[in-house]
Amino acid sequence: LKMIKKEMIKDEKDAERTIREITMMTELNHPNIVQIYEAFEIPNKVVLVMEYLSGGDLFDYVCNSEFLLDSEACRIFRQIVSAVSYLHENSVAHRDLKLENVLLDANKNAKITDFGFSNYFSSMSKLNTFCGSRLYAAPEIIWGIPYKGPEVDCWSLGVLLYVLVYGKMPFDSSDNNAVIRSISCASYSEPDFRSSIIYANSRNIS
């Protein structure tokens, strides 16, 4: 279940975003995207009944694993990319891809969830809402310039791949300004440990 407090829906834009999230999840159909079964209102909340995934989220899985085997990291990342490719084929930008928004089923298959920041994109216009999570944010988001949509998801995919390879964030600092500078320059650290199969791909996130 996902429950949205009505007090958080403060204006027409918030209402449109909630309706859009429900509509998107209802229309999308992909094995690596969480399914929604029903949406309804109770006095103080909007309730989304979604597919139950017993494996928890990818953040906890990575944190609780000493390391991921190359084969497992490749399999999980391939599933995430497949889902994102499907979204882009349907003119949807997720805009909040992160470990916490990837859930795992009992067989450790990955499924993308949380479309609260998602929006449709078009070649005729650009998006200008600057949203998502700071550590996964693309330079366009950091700089505050309009963007098409897919490019910010692709950047976040690069961050996800880095974490699957190294088990840590590429842009991680308690100093917000330092994070902004690192993302703006695509300056990230490379730990000594390297996944033998997918290390080369992680170098392409910039």
N, C-alpha and C. Protein backbone atom coordinates (compact mmCIF):
# COMPACT_ATOMS: atom_id res chain seq x y z
N LEU A 1 0.83 -1.20 0.00
CA LEU A 1 0.00 0.00 0.00
C LEU A 1 0.87 1.26 0.00
N LYS A 2 0.40 2.25 -0.72
CA LYS A 2 0.99 3.59 -0.61
C LYS A 2 -0.13 4.52 -0.22
N MET A 3 0.05 5.24 0.87
CA MET A 3 -0.98 6.15 1.35
C MET A 3 -0.49 7.59 1.28
N ILE A 4 -1.24 8.42 0.59
CA ILE A 4 -0.89 9.83 0.43
C ILE A 4 -1.83 10.66 1.30
N LYS A 5 -1.27 11.36 2.27
CA LYS A 5 -2.10 12.18 3.14
C LYS A 5 -2.69 13.35 2.35
N LYS A 6 -3.98 13.55 2.51
CA LYS A 6 -4.64 14.62 1.76
C LYS A 6 -4.11 16.00 2.15
N GLU A 7 -3.59 16.10 3.36
CA GLU A 7 -3.03 17.39 3.78
C GLU A 7 -1.78 17.75 2.99
N MET A 8 -1.18 16.72 2.34
CA MET A 8 0.00 16.96 1.50
C MET A 8 -0.40 17.42 0.10
N ILE A 9 -1.67 17.27 -0.25
CA ILE A 9 -2.17 17.73 -1.55
C ILE A 9 -2.70 19.14 -1.33
N LYS A 10 -1.82 20.11 -1.46
CA LYS A 10 -2.12 21.47 -1.03
C LYS A 10 -2.72 22.36 -2.10
N ASP A 11 -2.50 22.00 -3.37
CA ASP A 11 -3.02 22.85 -4.44
C ASP A 11 -3.34 22.01 -5.67
N GLU A 12 -3.72 22.69 -6.73
CA GLU A 12 -4.13 22.00 -7.96
C GLU A 12 -2.98 21.21 -8.57
N LYS A 13 -1.77 21.74 -8.48
CA LYS A 13 -0.61 21.02 -9.03
C LYS A 13 -0.37 19.71 -8.29
N ASP A 14 -0.51 19.74 -6.97
CA ASP A 14 -0.35 18.51 -6.19
C ASP A 14 -1.41 17.49 -6.57
N ALA A 15 -2.64 17.96 -6.78
CA ALA A 15 -3.73 17.07 -7.17
C ALA A 15 -3.46 16.46 -8.54
N GLU A 16 -2.99 17.29 -9.47
CA GLU A 16 -2.67 16.81 -10.81
C GLU A 16 -1.56 15.76 -10.77
N ARG A 17 -0.57 15.98 -9.91
CA ARG A 17 0.55 15.05 -9.78
C ARG A 17 0.08 13.70 -9.23
N THR A 18 -0.83 13.75 -8.26
CA THR A 18 -1.36 12.50 -7.69
C THR A 18 -2.17 11.73 -8.72
N ILE A 19 -3.02 12.44 -9.45
CA ILE A 19 -3.84 11.79 -10.49
C ILE A 19 -2.94 11.22 -11.58
N ARG A 20 -1.90 11.97 -11.95
CA ARG A 20 -0.98 11.50 -12.99
C ARG A 20 -0.25 10.23 -12.55
N GLU A 21 0.17 10.18 -11.29
CA GLU A 21 0.85 8.99 -10.78
C GLU A 21 -0.05 7.76 -10.89
N ILE A 22 -1.30 7.91 -10.48
CA ILE A 22 -2.25 6.79 -10.53
C ILE A 22 -2.51 6.38 -11.98
N THR A 23 -2.70 7.37 -12.85
CA THR A 23 -2.97 7.09 -14.27
C THR A 23 -1.80 6.36 -14.91
N MET A 24 -0.60 6.85 -14.67
CA MET A 24 0.59 6.21 -15.25
C MET A 24 0.72 4.77 -14.81
N MET A 25 0.62 4.53 -13.51
CA MET A 25 0.81 3.18 -13.00
C MET A 25 -0.28 2.24 -13.49
N THR A 26 -1.45 2.78 -13.76
CA THR A 26 -2.55 1.96 -14.29
C THR A 26 -2.29 1.58 -15.74
N GLU A 27 -1.74 2.51 -16.50
CA GLU A 27 -1.53 2.29 -17.94
C GLU A 27 -0.27 1.49 -18.24
N LEU A 28 0.76 1.62 -17.41
CA LEU A 28 2.03 0.95 -17.68
C LEU A 28 1.94 -0.54 -17.37
N ASN A 29 2.55 -1.33 -18.23
CA ASN A 29 2.52 -2.79 -18.05
C ASN A 29 3.86 -3.38 -18.47
N HIS A 30 4.69 -3.65 -17.49
CA HIS A 30 6.03 -4.18 -17.75
C HIS A 30 6.43 -5.07 -16.58
N PRO A 31 7.11 -6.18 -16.83
CA PRO A 31 7.45 -7.10 -15.74
C PRO A 31 8.37 -6.50 -14.69
N ASN A 32 9.03 -5.40 -15.01
CA ASN A 32 9.94 -4.78 -14.04
C ASN A 32 9.44 -3.44 -13.53
N ILE A 33 8.13 -3.26 -13.59
CA ILE A 33 7.47 -2.08 -13.01
C ILE A 33 6.36 -2.58 -12.08
N VAL A 34 6.32 -2.04 -10.87
CA VAL A 34 5.32 -2.45 -9.90
C VAL A 34 3.92 -2.16 -10.42
N GLN A 35 3.04 -3.13 -10.29
CA GLN A 35 1.66 -2.97 -10.75
C GLN A 35 0.79 -2.32 -9.68
N ILE A 36 -0.18 -1.53 -10.12
CA ILE A 36 -1.18 -0.97 -9.22
C ILE A 36 -2.50 -1.69 -9.49
N TYR A 37 -3.18 -2.08 -8.43
CA TYR A 37 -4.42 -2.82 -8.57
C TYR A 37 -5.66 -1.95 -8.36
N GLU A 38 -5.53 -0.95 -7.50
CA GLU A 38 -6.70 -0.15 -7.15
C GLU A 38 -6.25 1.14 -6.49
N ALA A 39 -7.06 2.17 -6.64
CA ALA A 39 -6.82 3.44 -5.95
C ALA A 39 -8.16 3.96 -5.44
N PHE A 40 -8.18 4.39 -4.20
CA PHE A 40 -9.43 4.89 -3.63
C PHE A 40 -9.12 5.90 -2.53
N GLU A 41 -10.17 6.60 -2.10
CA GLU A 41 -10.02 7.62 -1.07
C GLU A 41 -10.67 7.18 0.22
N ILE A 42 -10.05 7.52 1.33
CA ILE A 42 -10.66 7.45 2.65
C ILE A 42 -10.62 8.87 3.20
N PRO A 43 -11.28 9.14 4.32
CA PRO A 43 -11.41 10.54 4.75
C PRO A 43 -10.15 11.40 4.69
N ASN A 44 -9.01 10.86 5.12
CA ASN A 44 -7.81 11.70 5.20
C ASN A 44 -6.70 11.31 4.25
N LYS A 45 -6.93 10.28 3.42
CA LYS A 45 -5.84 9.76 2.60
C LYS A 45 -6.33 9.27 1.25
N VAL A 46 -5.39 9.25 0.29
CA VAL A 46 -5.59 8.56 -0.99
C VAL A 46 -4.76 7.28 -0.89
N VAL A 47 -5.39 6.15 -1.15
CA VAL A 47 -4.75 4.85 -0.96
C VAL A 47 -4.50 4.19 -2.31
N LEU A 48 -3.26 3.76 -2.54
CA LEU A 48 -2.89 3.02 -3.74
C LEU A 48 -2.57 1.59 -3.33
N VAL A 49 -3.33 0.64 -3.87
CA VAL A 49 -3.10 -0.78 -3.60
C VAL A 49 -2.22 -1.32 -4.71
N MET A 50 -1.01 -1.72 -4.34
CA MET A 50 -0.03 -2.14 -5.35
C MET A 50 0.45 -3.56 -5.10
N GLU A 51 1.12 -4.07 -6.09
CA GLU A 51 1.73 -5.39 -6.03
C GLU A 51 2.65 -5.51 -4.82
N TYR A 52 2.52 -6.62 -4.09
CA TYR A 52 3.38 -6.84 -2.91
C TYR A 52 4.67 -7.52 -3.32
N LEU A 53 5.79 -6.95 -2.89
CA LEU A 53 7.09 -7.52 -3.19
C LEU A 53 7.82 -7.79 -1.88
N SER A 54 8.09 -9.05 -1.62
CA SER A 54 8.59 -9.47 -0.31
C SER A 54 10.08 -9.26 -0.12
N GLY A 55 10.80 -8.91 -1.19
CA GLY A 55 12.26 -8.80 -1.09
C GLY A 55 12.78 -7.47 -0.58
N GLY A 56 11.87 -6.53 -0.28
CA GLY A 56 12.31 -5.22 0.19
C GLY A 56 12.85 -4.36 -0.94
N ASP A 57 13.53 -3.27 -0.59
CA ASP A 57 14.05 -2.39 -1.63
C ASP A 57 15.54 -2.64 -1.88
N LEU A 58 16.01 -2.14 -3.00
CA LEU A 58 17.38 -2.39 -3.43
C LEU A 58 18.39 -1.73 -2.50
N PHE A 59 18.01 -0.63 -1.88
CA PHE A 59 18.92 0.04 -0.95
C PHE A 59 19.28 -0.88 0.21
N ASP A 60 18.26 -1.46 0.84
CA ASP A 60 18.52 -2.37 1.96
C ASP A 60 19.28 -3.61 1.51
N TYR A 61 18.94 -4.09 0.31
CA TYR A 61 19.60 -5.30 -0.18
C TYR A 61 21.10 -5.06 -0.39
N VAL A 62 21.44 -3.93 -0.99
CA VAL A 62 22.85 -3.61 -1.21
C VAL A 62 23.57 -3.37 0.12
N CYS A 63 22.91 -2.66 1.04
CA CYS A 63 23.52 -2.38 2.34
C CYS A 63 23.76 -3.65 3.15
N ASN A 64 22.85 -4.61 3.02
CA ASN A 64 22.96 -5.84 3.80
C ASN A 64 23.82 -6.91 3.13
N SER A 65 24.23 -6.66 1.90
CA SER A 65 25.08 -7.61 1.19
C SER A 65 26.53 -7.17 1.30
N GLU A 66 27.41 -8.11 1.57
CA GLU A 66 28.83 -7.77 1.64
C GLU A 66 29.31 -7.27 0.28
N PHE A 67 28.82 -7.92 -0.77
CA PHE A 67 29.08 -7.47 -2.14
C PHE A 67 28.10 -8.20 -3.05
N LEU A 68 27.89 -7.66 -4.25
CA LEU A 68 27.06 -8.32 -5.25
C LEU A 68 27.95 -9.00 -6.26
N LEU A 69 27.62 -10.23 -6.60
CA LEU A 69 28.34 -10.90 -7.67
C LEU A 69 28.13 -10.15 -8.97
N ASP A 70 29.11 -10.20 -9.86
CA ASP A 70 28.98 -9.54 -11.16
C ASP A 70 27.70 -9.96 -11.85
N SER A 71 27.41 -11.25 -11.84
CA SER A 71 26.24 -11.76 -12.55
C SER A 71 24.95 -11.20 -11.97
N GLU A 72 24.90 -11.06 -10.64
CA GLU A 72 23.69 -10.54 -10.00
C GLU A 72 23.54 -9.04 -10.27
N ALA A 73 24.64 -8.30 -10.17
CA ALA A 73 24.59 -6.86 -10.46
C ALA A 73 24.14 -6.62 -11.89
N CYS A 74 24.68 -7.40 -12.82
CA CYS A 74 24.30 -7.26 -14.24
C CYS A 74 22.83 -7.58 -14.44
N ARG A 75 22.36 -8.64 -13.80
CA ARG A 75 20.96 -9.06 -13.96
C ARG A 75 20.02 -7.99 -13.44
N ILE A 76 20.28 -7.48 -12.24
CA ILE A 76 19.42 -6.46 -11.65
C ILE A 76 19.45 -5.19 -12.48
N PHE A 77 20.64 -4.76 -12.89
CA PHE A 77 20.74 -3.53 -13.67
C PHE A 77 20.05 -3.68 -15.02
N ARG A 78 20.18 -4.83 -15.64
CA ARG A 78 19.52 -5.08 -16.92
C ARG A 78 18.01 -4.95 -16.78
N GLN A 79 17.46 -5.46 -15.69
CA GLN A 79 16.01 -5.36 -15.46
C GLN A 79 15.57 -3.91 -15.27
N ILE A 80 16.36 -3.15 -14.53
CA ILE A 80 16.03 -1.74 -14.32
C ILE A 80 16.08 -0.98 -15.64
N VAL A 81 17.12 -1.22 -16.43
CA VAL A 81 17.25 -0.55 -17.73
C VAL A 81 16.09 -0.93 -18.64
N SER A 82 15.68 -2.19 -18.61
CA SER A 82 14.55 -2.63 -19.43
C SER A 82 13.29 -1.85 -19.08
N ALA A 83 13.05 -1.66 -17.78
CA ALA A 83 11.87 -0.91 -17.34
C ALA A 83 11.96 0.56 -17.75
N VAL A 84 13.13 1.17 -17.58
CA VAL A 84 13.30 2.58 -17.94
C VAL A 84 13.18 2.78 -19.44
N SER A 85 13.72 1.84 -20.22
CA SER A 85 13.58 1.91 -21.67
C SER A 85 12.12 1.87 -22.08
N TYR A 86 11.35 1.01 -21.41
CA TYR A 86 9.90 0.92 -21.68
C TYR A 86 9.22 2.25 -21.34
N LEU A 87 9.59 2.85 -20.22
CA LEU A 87 9.01 4.14 -19.85
C LEU A 87 9.27 5.18 -20.92
N HIS A 88 10.51 5.25 -21.38
CA HIS A 88 10.88 6.25 -22.38
C HIS A 88 10.19 5.99 -23.71
N GLU A 89 10.00 4.73 -24.05
CA GLU A 89 9.26 4.40 -25.27
C GLU A 89 7.82 4.89 -25.19
N ASN A 90 7.32 5.01 -23.96
CA ASN A 90 5.95 5.49 -23.75
C ASN A 90 5.92 6.95 -23.29
N SER A 91 7.02 7.66 -23.56
CA SER A 91 7.12 9.10 -23.28
C SER A 91 6.95 9.45 -21.81
N VAL A 92 7.45 8.58 -20.95
CA VAL A 92 7.39 8.81 -19.51
C VAL A 92 8.81 8.93 -18.96
N ALA A 93 9.07 10.01 -18.23
CA ALA A 93 10.33 10.17 -17.50
C ALA A 93 10.04 9.92 -16.03
N HIS A 94 10.80 9.03 -15.41
CA HIS A 94 10.54 8.69 -14.00
C HIS A 94 10.95 9.83 -13.07
N ARG A 95 12.15 10.32 -13.23
CA ARG A 95 12.69 11.49 -12.54
C ARG A 95 13.00 11.30 -11.05
N ASP A 96 12.90 10.07 -10.57
CA ASP A 96 13.32 9.82 -9.18
C ASP A 96 13.86 8.40 -9.03
N LEU A 97 14.69 8.01 -9.99
CA LEU A 97 15.30 6.68 -9.92
C LEU A 97 16.36 6.66 -8.83
N LYS A 98 16.24 5.72 -7.92
CA LYS A 98 17.21 5.55 -6.84
C LYS A 98 17.02 4.16 -6.25
N LEU A 99 17.97 3.73 -5.44
CA LEU A 99 17.91 2.38 -4.86
C LEU A 99 16.61 2.15 -4.11
N GLU A 100 16.15 3.16 -3.37
CA GLU A 100 14.94 3.01 -2.56
C GLU A 100 13.69 2.83 -3.40
N ASN A 101 13.73 3.24 -4.66
CA ASN A 101 12.57 3.12 -5.54
C ASN A 101 12.65 1.93 -6.48
N VAL A 102 13.53 0.99 -6.15
CA VAL A 102 13.59 -0.29 -6.86
C VAL A 102 13.30 -1.37 -5.83
N LEU A 103 12.21 -2.10 -6.03
CA LEU A 103 11.82 -3.17 -5.11
C LEU A 103 12.19 -4.52 -5.68
N LEU A 104 12.32 -5.51 -4.81
CA LEU A 104 12.70 -6.86 -5.21
C LEU A 104 11.62 -7.85 -4.82
N ASP A 105 11.33 -8.79 -5.72
CA ASP A 105 10.38 -9.84 -5.37
C ASP A 105 11.12 -10.98 -4.67
N ALA A 106 10.43 -12.08 -4.42
CA ALA A 106 11.02 -13.20 -3.68
C ALA A 106 12.20 -13.81 -4.41
N ASN A 107 12.24 -13.66 -5.73
CA ASN A 107 13.34 -14.21 -6.53
C ASN A 107 14.40 -13.16 -6.86
N LYS A 108 14.34 -12.03 -6.18
CA LYS A 108 15.29 -10.93 -6.36
C LYS A 108 15.22 -10.31 -7.75
N ASN A 109 14.03 -10.33 -8.34
CA ASN A 109 13.81 -9.59 -9.59
C ASN A 109 13.46 -8.15 -9.23
N ALA A 110 14.01 -7.21 -9.99
CA ALA A 110 13.86 -5.79 -9.69
C ALA A 110 12.62 -5.21 -10.36
N LYS A 111 11.93 -4.32 -9.62
CA LYS A 111 10.76 -3.63 -10.16
C LYS A 111 10.77 -2.18 -9.69
N ILE A 112 10.61 -1.26 -10.64
CA ILE A 112 10.61 0.17 -10.33
C ILE A 112 9.26 0.57 -9.73
N THR A 113 9.31 1.44 -8.74
CA THR A 113 8.09 1.94 -8.12
C THR A 113 8.20 3.45 -7.90
N ASP A 114 7.16 4.02 -7.30
CA ASP A 114 7.09 5.44 -6.92
C ASP A 114 7.18 6.37 -8.12
N PHE A 115 6.03 6.65 -8.71
CA PHE A 115 5.95 7.53 -9.87
C PHE A 115 5.44 8.92 -9.48
N GLY A 116 5.67 9.29 -8.23
CA GLY A 116 5.18 10.58 -7.74
C GLY A 116 5.78 11.78 -8.45
N PHE A 117 7.01 11.66 -8.95
CA PHE A 117 7.66 12.76 -9.67
C PHE A 117 7.66 12.56 -11.18
N SER A 118 7.07 11.48 -11.64
CA SER A 118 7.10 11.15 -13.07
C SER A 118 6.24 12.11 -13.88
N ASN A 119 6.60 12.24 -15.16
CA ASN A 119 5.81 13.09 -16.04
C ASN A 119 6.00 12.63 -17.48
N TYR A 120 5.06 13.03 -18.32
CA TYR A 120 5.17 12.74 -19.75
C TYR A 120 6.10 13.78 -20.39
N PHE A 121 6.86 13.35 -21.37
CA PHE A 121 7.73 14.28 -22.08
C PHE A 121 7.40 14.26 -23.57
N SER A 122 7.84 15.31 -24.25
CA SER A 122 7.56 15.47 -25.68
C SER A 122 8.74 16.15 -26.35
N SER A 123 8.94 15.85 -27.61
CA SER A 123 10.02 16.49 -28.38
C SER A 123 9.71 17.96 -28.64
N MET A 124 8.45 18.35 -28.41
CA MET A 124 8.03 19.72 -28.70
C MET A 124 8.24 20.67 -27.52
N SER A 125 8.56 20.13 -26.35
CA SER A 125 8.72 20.99 -25.18
C SER A 125 9.70 20.36 -24.20
N LYS A 126 10.03 21.11 -23.17
CA LYS A 126 10.94 20.61 -22.15
C LYS A 126 10.27 20.68 -20.77
N LEU A 127 10.73 19.81 -19.89
CA LEU A 127 10.25 19.81 -18.52
C LEU A 127 11.07 20.81 -17.72
N ASN A 128 10.47 21.39 -16.70
CA ASN A 128 11.19 22.39 -15.91
C ASN A 128 11.00 22.23 -14.41
N THR A 129 10.45 21.08 -14.00
CA THR A 129 10.33 20.81 -12.57
C THR A 129 11.61 20.16 -12.08
N PHE A 130 12.21 20.73 -11.07
CA PHE A 130 13.49 20.22 -10.58
C PHE A 130 13.23 19.38 -9.33
N CYS A 131 13.23 18.07 -9.53
CA CYS A 131 12.78 17.16 -8.49
C CYS A 131 13.72 15.96 -8.40
N GLY A 132 13.37 15.01 -7.57
CA GLY A 132 14.18 13.81 -7.42
C GLY A 132 15.06 13.90 -6.19
N SER A 133 16.06 13.03 -6.13
CA SER A 133 16.94 12.93 -4.97
C SER A 133 18.33 13.47 -5.32
N ARG A 134 18.86 14.29 -4.45
CA ARG A 134 20.09 15.04 -4.72
C ARG A 134 21.24 14.16 -5.20
N LEU A 135 21.49 13.04 -4.54
CA LEU A 135 22.65 12.22 -4.88
C LEU A 135 22.51 11.51 -6.22
N TYR A 136 21.29 11.47 -6.75
CA TYR A 136 21.05 10.84 -8.05
C TYR A 136 20.74 11.88 -9.13
N ALA A 137 20.77 13.16 -8.76
CA ALA A 137 20.32 14.22 -9.66
C ALA A 137 21.31 14.48 -10.78
N ALA A 138 20.79 14.67 -11.98
CA ALA A 138 21.61 14.99 -13.15
C ALA A 138 22.07 16.45 -13.09
N PRO A 139 23.12 16.79 -13.83
CA PRO A 139 23.57 18.19 -13.86
C PRO A 139 22.46 19.16 -14.24
N GLU A 140 21.57 18.76 -15.16
CA GLU A 140 20.47 19.64 -15.55
C GLU A 140 19.62 20.04 -14.35
N ILE A 141 19.41 19.07 -13.45
CA ILE A 141 18.63 19.34 -12.25
C ILE A 141 19.41 20.28 -11.32
N ILE A 142 20.69 19.97 -11.15
CA ILE A 142 21.54 20.79 -10.27
C ILE A 142 21.64 22.22 -10.79
N TRP A 143 21.77 22.36 -12.12
CA TRP A 143 21.93 23.70 -12.71
C TRP A 143 20.61 24.46 -12.81
N GLY A 144 19.50 23.75 -12.70
CA GLY A 144 18.20 24.40 -12.79
C GLY A 144 17.84 24.84 -14.19
N ILE A 145 18.19 24.00 -15.19
CA ILE A 145 17.85 24.34 -16.57
C ILE A 145 16.83 23.33 -17.10
N PRO A 146 15.95 23.75 -18.02
CA PRO A 146 14.95 22.83 -18.57
C PRO A 146 15.61 21.63 -19.24
N TYR A 147 14.90 20.52 -19.27
CA TYR A 147 15.44 19.28 -19.81
C TYR A 147 14.33 18.50 -20.51
N LYS A 148 14.71 17.60 -21.38
CA LYS A 148 13.71 16.82 -22.11
C LYS A 148 13.05 15.78 -21.22
N GLY A 149 13.85 15.02 -20.47
CA GLY A 149 13.30 13.99 -19.57
C GLY A 149 14.17 12.75 -19.48
N PRO A 150 14.36 12.03 -20.59
CA PRO A 150 15.14 10.80 -20.53
C PRO A 150 16.56 10.98 -20.03
N GLU A 151 17.18 12.13 -20.33
CA GLU A 151 18.58 12.31 -19.96
C GLU A 151 18.78 12.30 -18.44
N VAL A 152 17.81 12.80 -17.68
CA VAL A 152 17.97 12.80 -16.23
C VAL A 152 17.82 11.39 -15.68
N ASP A 153 16.98 10.57 -16.32
CA ASP A 153 16.86 9.16 -15.92
C ASP A 153 18.15 8.41 -16.25
N CYS A 154 18.73 8.70 -17.40
CA CYS A 154 19.97 8.01 -17.80
C CYS A 154 21.10 8.32 -16.83
N TRP A 155 21.17 9.55 -16.38
CA TRP A 155 22.19 9.91 -15.39
C TRP A 155 21.98 9.09 -14.11
N SER A 156 20.73 9.04 -13.65
CA SER A 156 20.42 8.28 -12.43
C SER A 156 20.74 6.80 -12.60
N LEU A 157 20.54 6.27 -13.80
CA LEU A 157 20.92 4.89 -14.07
C LEU A 157 22.42 4.70 -13.89
N GLY A 158 23.20 5.68 -14.33
CA GLY A 158 24.64 5.61 -14.15
C GLY A 158 25.02 5.55 -12.68
N VAL A 159 24.33 6.34 -11.86
CA VAL A 159 24.59 6.32 -10.42
C VAL A 159 24.23 4.96 -9.83
N LEU A 160 23.08 4.42 -10.26
CA LEU A 160 22.67 3.09 -9.80
C LEU A 160 23.71 2.03 -10.15
N LEU A 161 24.21 2.09 -11.38
CA LEU A 161 25.21 1.11 -11.80
C LEU A 161 26.47 1.24 -10.95
N TYR A 162 26.89 2.46 -10.69
CA TYR A 162 28.07 2.69 -9.86
C TYR A 162 27.90 2.03 -8.49
N VAL A 163 26.72 2.21 -7.89
CA VAL A 163 26.48 1.64 -6.56
C VAL A 163 26.49 0.11 -6.62
N LEU A 164 25.91 -0.46 -7.67
CA LEU A 164 25.91 -1.91 -7.81
C LEU A 164 27.33 -2.45 -7.98
N VAL A 165 28.18 -1.68 -8.64
CA VAL A 165 29.57 -2.10 -8.87
C VAL A 165 30.42 -1.92 -7.62
N TYR A 166 30.31 -0.74 -6.98
CA TYR A 166 31.21 -0.39 -5.90
C TYR A 166 30.61 -0.50 -4.49
N GLY A 167 29.28 -0.51 -4.41
CA GLY A 167 28.65 -0.58 -3.10
C GLY A 167 28.67 0.73 -2.34
N LYS A 168 28.90 1.84 -3.03
CA LYS A 168 28.89 3.17 -2.41
C LYS A 168 28.44 4.19 -3.44
N MET A 169 28.08 5.39 -2.97
CA MET A 169 27.62 6.43 -3.86
C MET A 169 28.79 7.13 -4.53
N PRO A 170 28.66 7.54 -5.80
CA PRO A 170 29.74 8.26 -6.46
C PRO A 170 29.88 9.70 -5.96
N PHE A 171 28.76 10.31 -5.59
CA PHE A 171 28.76 11.69 -5.12
C PHE A 171 28.20 11.69 -3.70
N ASP A 172 29.06 11.54 -2.72
CA ASP A 172 28.59 11.36 -1.35
C ASP A 172 29.39 12.24 -0.40
N SER A 173 28.73 13.24 0.14
CA SER A 173 29.40 14.15 1.06
C SER A 173 28.35 14.83 1.93
N SER A 174 28.73 15.15 3.14
CA SER A 174 27.83 15.90 4.02
C SER A 174 27.77 17.37 3.61
N ASP A 175 28.70 17.77 2.76
CA ASP A 175 28.77 19.15 2.27
C ASP A 175 27.97 19.25 0.97
N ASN A 176 26.81 19.89 1.05
CA ASN A 176 25.93 19.99 -0.12
C ASN A 176 26.62 20.68 -1.29
N ASN A 177 27.39 21.72 -1.01
CA ASN A 177 28.09 22.43 -2.09
C ASN A 177 29.12 21.54 -2.78
N ALA A 178 29.76 20.68 -1.99
CA ALA A 178 30.75 19.75 -2.57
C ALA A 178 30.06 18.75 -3.49
N VAL A 179 28.89 18.28 -3.10
CA VAL A 179 28.12 17.36 -3.94
C VAL A 179 27.73 18.04 -5.24
N ILE A 180 27.26 19.27 -5.15
CA ILE A 180 26.85 20.01 -6.34
C ILE A 180 28.03 20.20 -7.29
N ARG A 181 29.18 20.54 -6.74
CA ARG A 181 30.38 20.72 -7.58
C ARG A 181 30.77 19.41 -8.25
N SER A 182 30.72 18.32 -7.50
CA SER A 182 31.10 17.01 -8.05
C SER A 182 30.17 16.58 -9.17
N ILE A 183 28.87 16.77 -8.97
CA ILE A 183 27.90 16.39 -10.00
C ILE A 183 28.08 17.29 -11.22
N SER A 184 28.26 18.58 -11.01
CA SER A 184 28.40 19.52 -12.12
C SER A 184 29.60 19.19 -12.99
N CYS A 185 30.67 18.69 -12.35
CA CYS A 185 31.90 18.36 -13.09
C CYS A 185 32.00 16.88 -13.41
N ALA A 186 30.99 16.11 -13.01
CA ALA A 186 31.04 14.65 -13.17
C ALA A 186 32.33 14.10 -12.57
N SER A 187 32.67 14.60 -11.39
CA SER A 187 33.89 14.20 -10.70
C SER A 187 33.53 13.22 -9.59
N TYR A 188 33.89 11.96 -9.79
CA TYR A 188 33.54 10.93 -8.81
C TYR A 188 34.76 10.06 -8.52
N SER A 189 34.77 9.48 -7.33
CA SER A 189 35.91 8.65 -6.91
C SER A 189 35.79 7.25 -7.49
N GLU A 190 36.93 6.58 -7.63
CA GLU A 190 36.96 5.20 -8.11
C GLU A 190 37.68 4.35 -7.07
N PRO A 191 36.93 3.62 -6.25
CA PRO A 191 37.56 2.77 -5.24
C PRO A 191 38.49 1.74 -5.88
N ASP A 192 39.38 1.19 -5.08
CA ASP A 192 40.33 0.20 -5.59
C ASP A 192 39.62 -1.05 -6.07
N PHE A 193 38.53 -1.44 -5.35
CA PHE A 193 37.79 -2.63 -5.77
C PHE A 193 37.01 -2.34 -7.04
N ARG A 194 37.13 -3.25 -8.01
CA ARG A 194 36.43 -3.07 -9.28
C ARG A 194 35.78 -4.38 -9.70
N SER A 195 34.52 -4.31 -10.08
CA SER A 195 33.84 -5.49 -10.61
C SER A 195 34.49 -5.84 -11.94
N SER A 196 34.96 -7.05 -12.07
CA SER A 196 35.75 -7.44 -13.24
C SER A 196 34.97 -7.39 -14.54
N ILE A 197 33.65 -7.59 -14.48
CA ILE A 197 32.86 -7.65 -15.71
C ILE A 197 32.29 -6.29 -16.09
N ILE A 198 31.77 -5.56 -15.12
CA ILE A 198 31.04 -4.34 -15.48
C ILE A 198 31.75 -3.05 -15.06
N TYR A 199 32.99 -3.16 -14.62
CA TYR A 199 33.74 -1.95 -14.26
C TYR A 199 33.81 -0.95 -15.41
N ALA A 200 34.07 -1.45 -16.61
CA ALA A 200 34.23 -0.55 -17.76
C ALA A 200 32.97 0.26 -18.00
N ASN A 201 31.80 -0.34 -17.79
CA ASN A 201 30.55 0.37 -18.01
C ASN A 201 30.35 1.49 -17.00
N SER A 202 30.82 1.27 -15.77
CA SER A 202 30.63 2.29 -14.73
C SER A 202 31.40 3.56 -15.06
N ARG A 203 32.42 3.48 -15.88
CA ARG A 203 33.21 4.65 -16.24
C ARG A 203 32.47 5.57 -17.21
N ASN A 204 31.37 5.08 -17.76
CA ASN A 204 30.64 5.86 -18.75
C ASN A 204 29.52 6.70 -18.16
N ILE A 205 29.38 6.74 -16.82
CA ILE A 205 28.25 7.47 -16.25
C ILE A 205 28.37 8.97 -16.47
N SER A 206 29.55 9.46 -16.78
CA SER A 206 29.69 10.90 -17.04
C SER A 206 29.44 11.21 -18.50
